[in-house]
Amino acid sequence: GVITSNDVIYFDDFWHPGIEALPYAFHLFGIRPRMYAFLHAQSVDEFDFTYPMRSWMRPFEVGIASALEGIFVCGPCLRDLVVFGGIAGREKVHITGHPFNSEEVRERMPKIDQPRLDQVVYSSRWDQEKSPWFFLKVAREVVKARPQARFVVCTGSQTIRSNDPGLVTLLHQACHDLPNNIVLREDLTKEEYYAELCRSKIQMNTARQDFVAITLLESSVAGCYPVYPYFRSFPETFLHHPGFMYPQEDL
């Protein structure tokens, strides 16, 4: 229908192409809907792939923030980075946790009536800030000591994703030299990916950039133990799993 000043517009990602044109359009029509956005990382995070772009990205982010009523972030760590980075004042940044619908995920989980395998799943983007090669290093060491263990690199999308296609090429090349119990699974539907989680015991995250990983939240719903670095917002999100963190310095 017709957008008016009484409407509220929410963006699930602060970095949303076209958002910068809306204040201009609203001004022309003489309206001012309230706009909010969830900020996941952006140029305030030195480990994010956008950080080297901050010379031009930071002014863009400041401009977007000025048009928003409020910015939602997952935890205090990211809020402080946003404030210290000069993107917005503290009064505009609201800590909300991650907008994650666990019930929706639970409804899509298959019912698998069998013991879980000694299996670890890894499903982060194959980018440097996710430390994927550290994961493969860990996997190689573990299977030496526990030959029955199995590690699965997988994704719920058509292919392994990366902002650097060259890294995906290196991954496929590395697969030829991996032990048989370290496997790469692609072309999974979301339901097939969830089935892989339901057969596994652990979901491992090795990211230096994540504040909250949806893959860890999904795997927790599936009954996997989340293993993650003691870093960023992970301890805030998974306080009930203090024994599954490892030092960030290991990455």
C-alpha atoms as a PDB file:
ATOM      1  CA  GLY A   1       0.000   0.000   0.000  1.00  0.00           C
ATOM      2  CA  VAL A   2       1.002   3.595   0.644  1.00  0.00           C
ATOM      3  CA  ILE A   3       3.984   4.333   2.897  1.00  0.00           C
ATOM      4  CA  THR A   4       3.378   7.091   5.434  1.00  0.00           C
ATOM      5  CA  SER A   5       5.226   8.726   8.306  1.00  0.00           C
ATOM      6  CA  ASN A   6       3.468   6.278  10.641  1.00  0.00           C
ATOM      7  CA  ASP A   7       5.263   3.269   9.146  1.00  0.00           C
ATOM      8  CA  VAL A   8       8.361   1.507  10.461  1.00  0.00           C
ATOM      9  CA  ILE A   9      10.855  -0.100   8.067  1.00  0.00           C
ATOM     10  CA  TYR A  10      13.291  -2.734   9.334  1.00  0.00           C
ATOM     11  CA  PHE A  11      16.377  -3.961   7.446  1.00  0.00           C
ATOM     12  CA  ASP A  12      17.924  -7.263   8.480  1.00  0.00           C
ATOM     13  CA  ASP A  13      21.314  -5.966   7.338  1.00  0.00           C
ATOM     14  CA  PHE A  14      22.701  -2.454   7.730  1.00  0.00           C
ATOM     15  CA  TRP A  15      24.587  -2.959   4.452  1.00  0.00           C
ATOM     16  CA  HIS A  16      21.486  -3.072   2.241  1.00  0.00           C
ATOM     17  CA  PRO A  17      21.910  -1.795  -1.350  1.00  0.00           C
ATOM     18  CA  GLY A  18      19.529   1.057  -2.046  1.00  0.00           C
ATOM     19  CA  ILE A  19      18.913   2.053   1.568  1.00  0.00           C
ATOM     20  CA  GLU A  20      20.803   5.289   0.941  1.00  0.00           C
ATOM     21  CA  ALA A  21      18.211   6.415  -1.645  1.00  0.00           C
ATOM     22  CA  LEU A  22      15.224   6.134   0.694  1.00  0.00           C
ATOM     23  CA  PRO A  23      15.747   9.329   2.746  1.00  0.00           C
ATOM     24  CA  TYR A  24      15.956  11.264  -0.530  1.00  0.00           C
ATOM     25  CA  ALA A  25      12.742   9.677  -1.841  1.00  0.00           C
ATOM     26  CA  PHE A  26      10.937  10.254   1.461  1.00  0.00           C
ATOM     27  CA  HIS A  27      12.000  13.902   1.468  1.00  0.00           C
ATOM     28  CA  LEU A  28      10.527  14.378  -2.018  1.00  0.00           C
ATOM     29  CA  PHE A  29       7.209  12.927  -0.873  1.00  0.00           C
ATOM     30  CA  GLY A  30       7.200  14.874   2.380  1.00  0.00           C
ATOM     31  CA  ILE A  31       7.137  11.812   4.659  1.00  0.00           C
ATOM     32  CA  ARG A  32       9.498  10.406   7.268  1.00  0.00           C
ATOM     33  CA  PRO A  33       8.948   6.725   8.116  1.00  0.00           C
ATOM     34  CA  ARG A  34      11.095   5.426  10.938  1.00  0.00           C
ATOM     35  CA  MET A  35      13.900   3.127   9.765  1.00  0.00           C
ATOM     36  CA  TYR A  36      15.898   0.588  11.786  1.00  0.00           C
ATOM     37  CA  ALA A  37      18.640  -1.835  10.736  1.00  0.00           C
ATOM     38  CA  PHE A  38      20.573  -4.735  12.220  1.00  0.00           C
ATOM     39  CA  LEU A  39      24.334  -4.255  11.985  1.00  0.00           C
ATOM     40  CA  HIS A  40      26.409  -7.451  11.765  1.00  0.00           C
ATOM     41  CA  ALA A  41      29.989  -6.124  11.557  1.00  0.00           C
ATOM     42  CA  GLN A  42      30.982  -3.591   8.850  1.00  0.00           C
ATOM     43  CA  SER A  43      34.117  -1.450   8.724  1.00  0.00           C
ATOM     44  CA  VAL A  44      34.382  -1.095  12.504  1.00  0.00           C
ATOM     45  CA  ASP A  45      35.660  -4.685  12.725  1.00  0.00           C
ATOM     46  CA  GLU A  46      39.356  -4.987  11.894  1.00  0.00           C
ATOM     47  CA  PHE A  47      38.871  -8.667  10.985  1.00  0.00           C
ATOM     48  CA  ASP A  48      35.978  -8.054   8.575  1.00  0.00           C
ATOM     49  CA  PHE A  49      36.752  -8.142   4.847  1.00  0.00           C
ATOM     50  CA  THR A  50      35.231  -4.628   4.596  1.00  0.00           C
ATOM     51  CA  TYR A  51      37.793  -3.109   6.976  1.00  0.00           C
ATOM     52  CA  PRO A  52      40.320  -2.200   4.219  1.00  0.00           C
ATOM     53  CA  MET A  53      37.493  -0.273   2.499  1.00  0.00           C
ATOM     54  CA  ARG A  54      36.872   1.935   5.535  1.00  0.00           C
ATOM     55  CA  SER A  55      38.318   5.098   3.914  1.00  0.00           C
ATOM     56  CA  TRP A  56      35.180   5.379   1.773  1.00  0.00           C
ATOM     57  CA  MET A  57      32.862   2.993   3.609  1.00  0.00           C
ATOM     58  CA  ARG A  58      32.958   4.761   6.998  1.00  0.00           C
ATOM     59  CA  PRO A  59      31.461   8.036   5.680  1.00  0.00           C
ATOM     60  CA  PHE A  60      28.794   5.962   3.891  1.00  0.00           C
ATOM     61  CA  GLU A  61      27.972   4.128   7.135  1.00  0.00           C
ATOM     62  CA  VAL A  62      27.794   7.397   9.072  1.00  0.00           C
ATOM     63  CA  GLY A  63      25.362   8.732   6.468  1.00  0.00           C
ATOM     64  CA  ILE A  64      23.138   5.650   6.683  1.00  0.00           C
ATOM     65  CA  ALA A  65      23.214   5.767  10.488  1.00  0.00           C
ATOM     66  CA  SER A  66      22.071   9.399  10.459  1.00  0.00           C
ATOM     67  CA  ALA A  67      18.922   8.348   8.548  1.00  0.00           C
ATOM     68  CA  LEU A  68      18.073   5.524  10.983  1.00  0.00           C
ATOM     69  CA  GLU A  69      16.017   5.809  14.169  1.00  0.00           C
ATOM     70  CA  GLY A  70      18.048   3.021  15.697  1.00  0.00           C
ATOM     71  CA  ILE A  71      20.683   0.364  15.052  1.00  0.00           C
ATOM     72  CA  PHE A  72      20.402  -3.149  16.488  1.00  0.00           C
ATOM     73  CA  VAL A  73      23.529  -5.138  17.400  1.00  0.00           C
ATOM     74  CA  CYS A  74      24.033  -8.551  18.961  1.00  0.00           C
ATOM     75  CA  GLY A  75      26.076  -7.519  21.994  1.00  0.00           C
ATOM     76  CA  PRO A  76      28.123  -4.915  23.910  1.00  0.00           C
ATOM     77  CA  CYS A  77      31.331  -5.623  21.978  1.00  0.00           C
ATOM     78  CA  LEU A  78      29.867  -4.602  18.622  1.00  0.00           C
ATOM     79  CA  ARG A  79      27.988  -1.663  20.160  1.00  0.00           C
ATOM     80  CA  ASP A  80      31.249  -0.281  21.521  1.00  0.00           C
ATOM     81  CA  LEU A  81      32.968  -0.668  18.141  1.00  0.00           C
ATOM     82  CA  VAL A  82      30.118   1.194  16.431  1.00  0.00           C
ATOM     83  CA  VAL A  83      30.297   4.031  18.961  1.00  0.00           C
ATOM     84  CA  PHE A  84      34.102   4.263  19.059  1.00  0.00           C
ATOM     85  CA  GLY A  85      34.207   4.092  15.249  1.00  0.00           C
ATOM     86  CA  GLY A  86      32.047   7.208  15.093  1.00  0.00           C
ATOM     87  CA  ILE A  87      29.195   5.593  13.151  1.00  0.00           C
ATOM     88  CA  ALA A  88      26.528   6.505  15.709  1.00  0.00           C
ATOM     89  CA  GLY A  89      26.077   7.709  19.265  1.00  0.00           C
ATOM     90  CA  ARG A  90      25.493   5.218  22.062  1.00  0.00           C
ATOM     91  CA  GLU A  91      21.853   6.307  22.458  1.00  0.00           C
ATOM     92  CA  LYS A  92      21.059   5.077  18.923  1.00  0.00           C
ATOM     93  CA  VAL A  93      22.602   1.607  19.280  1.00  0.00           C
ATOM     94  CA  HIS A  94      20.444  -1.084  20.904  1.00  0.00           C
ATOM     95  CA  ILE A  95      21.644  -4.513  22.069  1.00  0.00           C
ATOM     96  CA  THR A  96      19.070  -7.104  21.017  1.00  0.00           C
ATOM     97  CA  GLY A  97      20.930 -10.366  20.647  1.00  0.00           C
ATOM     98  CA  HIS A  98      20.606 -12.079  17.287  1.00  0.00           C
ATOM     99  CA  PRO A  99      17.167 -12.216  15.596  1.00  0.00           C
ATOM    100  CA  PHE A 100      17.094 -16.004  15.446  1.00  0.00           C
ATOM    101  CA  ASN A 101      13.881 -18.041  15.249  1.00  0.00           C
ATOM    102  CA  SER A 102      14.792 -21.325  16.925  1.00  0.00           C
ATOM    103  CA  GLU A 103      11.241 -22.673  16.596  1.00  0.00           C
ATOM    104  CA  GLU A 104      11.317 -22.294  12.815  1.00  0.00           C
ATOM    105  CA  VAL A 105      14.630 -24.154  12.696  1.00  0.00           C
ATOM    106  CA  ARG A 106      13.345 -26.871  15.040  1.00  0.00           C
ATOM    107  CA  GLU A 107      10.328 -27.486  12.792  1.00  0.00           C
ATOM    108  CA  ARG A 108      12.618 -28.181   9.832  1.00  0.00           C
ATOM    109  CA  MET A 109      14.891 -30.564  11.714  1.00  0.00           C
ATOM    110  CA  PRO A 110      14.448 -34.204  10.645  1.00  0.00           C
ATOM    111  CA  LYS A 111      13.757 -36.888  13.228  1.00  0.00           C
ATOM    112  CA  ILE A 112      16.753 -39.231  13.107  1.00  0.00           C
ATOM    113  CA  ASP A 113      16.402 -42.258  15.363  1.00  0.00           C
ATOM    114  CA  GLN A 114      20.004 -43.405  15.563  1.00  0.00           C
ATOM    115  CA  PRO A 115      23.073 -42.710  17.723  1.00  0.00           C
ATOM    116  CA  ARG A 116      25.079 -39.661  16.753  1.00  0.00           C
ATOM    117  CA  LEU A 117      28.306 -40.210  14.877  1.00  0.00           C
ATOM    118  CA  ASP A 118      31.710 -39.073  16.141  1.00  0.00           C
ATOM    119  CA  GLN A 119      31.359 -36.294  13.605  1.00  0.00           C
ATOM    120  CA  VAL A 120      32.308 -32.618  13.540  1.00  0.00           C
ATOM    121  CA  VAL A 121      30.620 -30.205  11.129  1.00  0.00           C
ATOM    122  CA  TYR A 122      32.155 -26.996   9.791  1.00  0.00           C
ATOM    123  CA  SER A 123      30.008 -24.673   7.689  1.00  0.00           C
ATOM    124  CA  SER A 124      31.506 -21.186   7.770  1.00  0.00           C
ATOM    125  CA  ARG A 125      32.333 -19.163   4.665  1.00  0.00           C
ATOM    126  CA  TRP A 126      35.715 -20.198   3.279  1.00  0.00           C
ATOM    127  CA  ASP A 127      37.350 -16.815   3.900  1.00  0.00           C
ATOM    128  CA  GLN A 128      40.531 -15.787   5.670  1.00  0.00           C
ATOM    129  CA  GLU A 129      38.638 -14.079   8.529  1.00  0.00           C
ATOM    130  CA  LYS A 130      36.925 -17.408   9.265  1.00  0.00           C
ATOM    131  CA  SER A 131      40.313 -19.188   9.734  1.00  0.00           C
ATOM    132  CA  PRO A 132      39.269 -22.254   7.668  1.00  0.00           C
ATOM    133  CA  TRP A 133      42.790 -23.630   7.339  1.00  0.00           C
ATOM    134  CA  PHE A 134      43.037 -23.725  11.131  1.00  0.00           C
ATOM    135  CA  PHE A 135      39.961 -25.960  11.119  1.00  0.00           C
ATOM    136  CA  LEU A 136      41.593 -28.353   8.626  1.00  0.00           C
ATOM    137  CA  LYS A 137      44.744 -28.386  10.760  1.00  0.00           C
ATOM    138  CA  VAL A 138      42.691 -29.361  13.813  1.00  0.00           C
ATOM    139  CA  ALA A 139      40.825 -32.004  11.814  1.00  0.00           C
ATOM    140  CA  ARG A 140      44.060 -33.609  10.590  1.00  0.00           C
ATOM    141  CA  GLU A 141      45.462 -33.779  14.114  1.00  0.00           C
ATOM    142  CA  VAL A 142      42.282 -35.224  15.626  1.00  0.00           C
ATOM    143  CA  VAL A 143      41.864 -38.001  13.071  1.00  0.00           C
ATOM    144  CA  LYS A 144      45.441 -39.081  13.720  1.00  0.00           C
ATOM    145  CA  ALA A 145      44.567 -39.697  17.366  1.00  0.00           C
ATOM    146  CA  ARG A 146      40.955 -40.817  16.788  1.00  0.00           C
ATOM    147  CA  PRO A 147      40.690 -42.670  13.455  1.00  0.00           C
ATOM    148  CA  GLN A 148      36.952 -43.205  14.010  1.00  0.00           C
ATOM    149  CA  ALA A 149      36.308 -39.437  14.025  1.00  0.00           C
ATOM    150  CA  ARG A 150      34.787 -37.818  10.959  1.00  0.00           C
ATOM    151  CA  PHE A 151      34.930 -34.159   9.892  1.00  0.00           C
ATOM    152  CA  VAL A 152      32.498 -32.680   7.386  1.00  0.00           C
ATOM    153  CA  VAL A 153      32.971 -29.382   5.573  1.00  0.00           C
ATOM    154  CA  CYS A 154      29.546 -28.526   4.216  1.00  0.00           C
ATOM    155  CA  THR A 155      27.151 -25.788   3.284  1.00  0.00           C
ATOM    156  CA  GLY A 156      23.418 -25.356   2.949  1.00  0.00           C
ATOM    157  CA  SER A 157      23.921 -23.447  -0.309  1.00  0.00           C
ATOM    158  CA  GLN A 158      24.796 -24.705  -3.762  1.00  0.00           C
ATOM    159  CA  THR A 159      28.554 -24.375  -3.297  1.00  0.00           C
ATOM    160  CA  ILE A 160      31.061 -23.374  -0.638  1.00  0.00           C
ATOM    161  CA  ARG A 161      30.919 -19.575  -0.423  1.00  0.00           C
ATOM    162  CA  SER A 162      33.843 -17.158  -0.266  1.00  0.00           C
ATOM    163  CA  ASN A 163      34.648 -13.546  -1.048  1.00  0.00           C
ATOM    164  CA  ASP A 164      37.864 -14.893  -2.585  1.00  0.00           C
ATOM    165  CA  PRO A 165      37.112 -17.615  -5.179  1.00  0.00           C
ATOM    166  CA  GLY A 166      40.787 -18.553  -5.144  1.00  0.00           C
ATOM    167  CA  LEU A 167      40.423 -19.895  -1.611  1.00  0.00           C
ATOM    168  CA  VAL A 168      37.631 -22.232  -2.713  1.00  0.00           C
ATOM    169  CA  THR A 169      39.878 -23.510  -5.485  1.00  0.00           C
ATOM    170  CA  LEU A 170      42.603 -24.191  -2.908  1.00  0.00           C
ATOM    171  CA  LEU A 171      40.060 -26.042  -0.751  1.00  0.00           C
ATOM    172  CA  HIS A 172      39.052 -28.349  -3.598  1.00  0.00           C
ATOM    173  CA  GLN A 173      42.723 -29.000  -4.352  1.00  0.00           C
ATOM    174  CA  ALA A 174      43.425 -29.735  -0.688  1.00  0.00           C
ATOM    175  CA  CYS A 175      40.592 -32.280  -0.602  1.00  0.00           C
ATOM    176  CA  HIS A 176      42.655 -34.642  -2.769  1.00  0.00           C
ATOM    177  CA  ASP A 177      45.217 -34.959   0.031  1.00  0.00           C
ATOM    178  CA  LEU A 178      42.829 -35.173   2.969  1.00  0.00           C
ATOM    179  CA  PRO A 179      42.274 -38.404   4.936  1.00  0.00           C
ATOM    180  CA  ASN A 180      39.103 -40.252   3.966  1.00  0.00           C
ATOM    181  CA  ASN A 181      37.336 -39.209   7.150  1.00  0.00           C
ATOM    182  CA  ILE A 182      37.638 -35.489   6.324  1.00  0.00           C
ATOM    183  CA  VAL A 183      35.082 -34.881   3.596  1.00  0.00           C
ATOM    184  CA  LEU A 184      33.588 -31.986   1.637  1.00  0.00           C
ATOM    185  CA  ARG A 185      29.801 -32.021   1.074  1.00  0.00           C
ATOM    186  CA  GLU A 186      28.205 -29.472  -1.220  1.00  0.00           C
ATOM    187  CA  ASP A 187      24.872 -29.093  -3.033  1.00  0.00           C
ATOM    188  CA  LEU A 188      22.889 -29.800   0.139  1.00  0.00           C
ATOM    189  CA  THR A 189      19.353 -28.572   0.646  1.00  0.00           C
ATOM    190  CA  LYS A 190      18.662 -26.886   3.977  1.00  0.00           C
ATOM    191  CA  GLU A 191      16.903 -30.047   5.165  1.00  0.00           C
ATOM    192  CA  GLU A 192      19.873 -32.220   4.133  1.00  0.00           C
ATOM    193  CA  TYR A 193      22.214 -29.855   5.940  1.00  0.00           C
ATOM    194  CA  TYR A 194      20.074 -30.060   9.086  1.00  0.00           C
ATOM    195  CA  ALA A 195      20.119 -33.870   8.787  1.00  0.00           C
ATOM    196  CA  GLU A 196      23.934 -33.716   8.773  1.00  0.00           C
ATOM    197  CA  LEU A 197      23.786 -31.680  11.989  1.00  0.00           C
ATOM    198  CA  CYS A 198      21.397 -34.174  13.594  1.00  0.00           C
ATOM    199  CA  ARG A 199      23.873 -36.993  12.886  1.00  0.00           C
ATOM    200  CA  SER A 200      26.809 -35.028  14.333  1.00  0.00           C
ATOM    201  CA  LYS A 201      28.080 -34.315  17.833  1.00  0.00           C
ATOM    202  CA  ILE A 202      29.944 -31.026  17.287  1.00  0.00           C
ATOM    203  CA  GLN A 203      29.700 -27.881  15.174  1.00  0.00           C
ATOM    204  CA  MET A 204      33.035 -26.059  15.119  1.00  0.00           C
ATOM    205  CA  ASN A 205      33.578 -22.365  14.470  1.00  0.00           C
ATOM    206  CA  THR A 206      37.035 -20.879  13.941  1.00  0.00           C
ATOM    207  CA  ALA A 207      36.095 -17.333  12.942  1.00  0.00           C
ATOM    208  CA  ARG A 208      38.014 -14.238  13.970  1.00  0.00           C
ATOM    209  CA  GLN A 209      35.259 -12.034  12.528  1.00  0.00           C
ATOM    210  CA  ASP A 210      31.901 -13.417  13.676  1.00  0.00           C
ATOM    211  CA  PHE A 211      30.053 -11.768  16.535  1.00  0.00           C
ATOM    212  CA  VAL A 212      27.297 -14.384  16.553  1.00  0.00           C
ATOM    213  CA  ALA A 213      27.310 -17.319  14.127  1.00  0.00           C
ATOM    214  CA  ILE A 214      23.929 -18.518  12.879  1.00  0.00           C
ATOM    215  CA  THR A 215      25.516 -21.910  12.136  1.00  0.00           C
ATOM    216  CA  LEU A 216      26.264 -22.338  15.850  1.00  0.00           C
ATOM    217  CA  LEU A 217      22.742 -21.314  16.800  1.00  0.00           C
ATOM    218  CA  GLU A 218      21.270 -23.784  14.302  1.00  0.00           C
ATOM    219  CA  SER A 219      23.510 -26.597  15.475  1.00  0.00           C
ATOM    220  CA  SER A 220      22.553 -25.950  19.105  1.00  0.00           C
ATOM    221  CA  VAL A 221      18.899 -26.458  18.133  1.00  0.00           C
ATOM    222  CA  ALA A 222      19.972 -29.694  16.391  1.00  0.00           C
ATOM    223  CA  GLY A 223      21.639 -30.931  19.575  1.00  0.00           C
ATOM    224  CA  CYS A 224      25.267 -30.422  18.535  1.00  0.00           C
ATOM    225  CA  TYR A 225      27.849 -29.069  20.945  1.00  0.00           C
ATOM    226  CA  PRO A 226      29.084 -25.683  19.657  1.00  0.00           C
ATOM    227  CA  VAL A 227      32.868 -25.286  19.806  1.00  0.00           C
ATOM    228  CA  TYR A 228      34.041 -21.717  19.267  1.00  0.00           C
ATOM    229  CA  PRO A 229      36.791 -19.221  20.133  1.00  0.00           C
ATOM    230  CA  TYR A 230      36.679 -17.189  23.358  1.00  0.00           C
ATOM    231  CA  PHE A 231      36.228 -14.025  21.349  1.00  0.00           C
ATOM    232  CA  ARG A 232      33.803 -11.285  20.393  1.00  0.00           C
ATOM    233  CA  SER A 233      30.203 -12.053  21.436  1.00  0.00           C
ATOM    234  CA  PHE A 234      30.462 -15.844  21.577  1.00  0.00           C
ATOM    235  CA  PRO A 235      30.805 -16.009  25.398  1.00  0.00           C
ATOM    236  CA  GLU A 236      27.777 -13.705  25.758  1.00  0.00           C
ATOM    237  CA  THR A 237      25.665 -15.919  23.488  1.00  0.00           C
ATOM    238  CA  PHE A 238      26.688 -19.340  24.769  1.00  0.00           C
ATOM    239  CA  LEU A 239      27.155 -18.803  28.485  1.00  0.00           C
ATOM    240  CA  HIS A 240      25.663 -22.248  29.101  1.00  0.00           C
ATOM    241  CA  HIS A 241      28.551 -23.860  27.167  1.00  0.00           C
ATOM    242  CA  PRO A 242      31.655 -22.446  28.908  1.00  0.00           C
ATOM    243  CA  GLY A 243      33.568 -25.698  28.453  1.00  0.00           C
ATOM    244  CA  PHE A 244      33.491 -25.566  24.674  1.00  0.00           C
ATOM    245  CA  MET A 245      35.558 -22.427  24.134  1.00  0.00           C
ATOM    246  CA  TYR A 246      39.206 -22.315  23.158  1.00  0.00           C
ATOM    247  CA  PRO A 247      41.638 -19.327  23.300  1.00  0.00           C
ATOM    248  CA  GLN A 248      41.310 -16.932  20.388  1.00  0.00           C
ATOM    249  CA  GLU A 249      45.109 -16.813  20.235  1.00  0.00           C
ATOM    250  CA  ASP A 250      45.075 -20.356  18.850  1.00  0.00           C
ATOM    251  CA  LEU A 251      43.645 -19.145  15.528  1.00  0.00           C
END
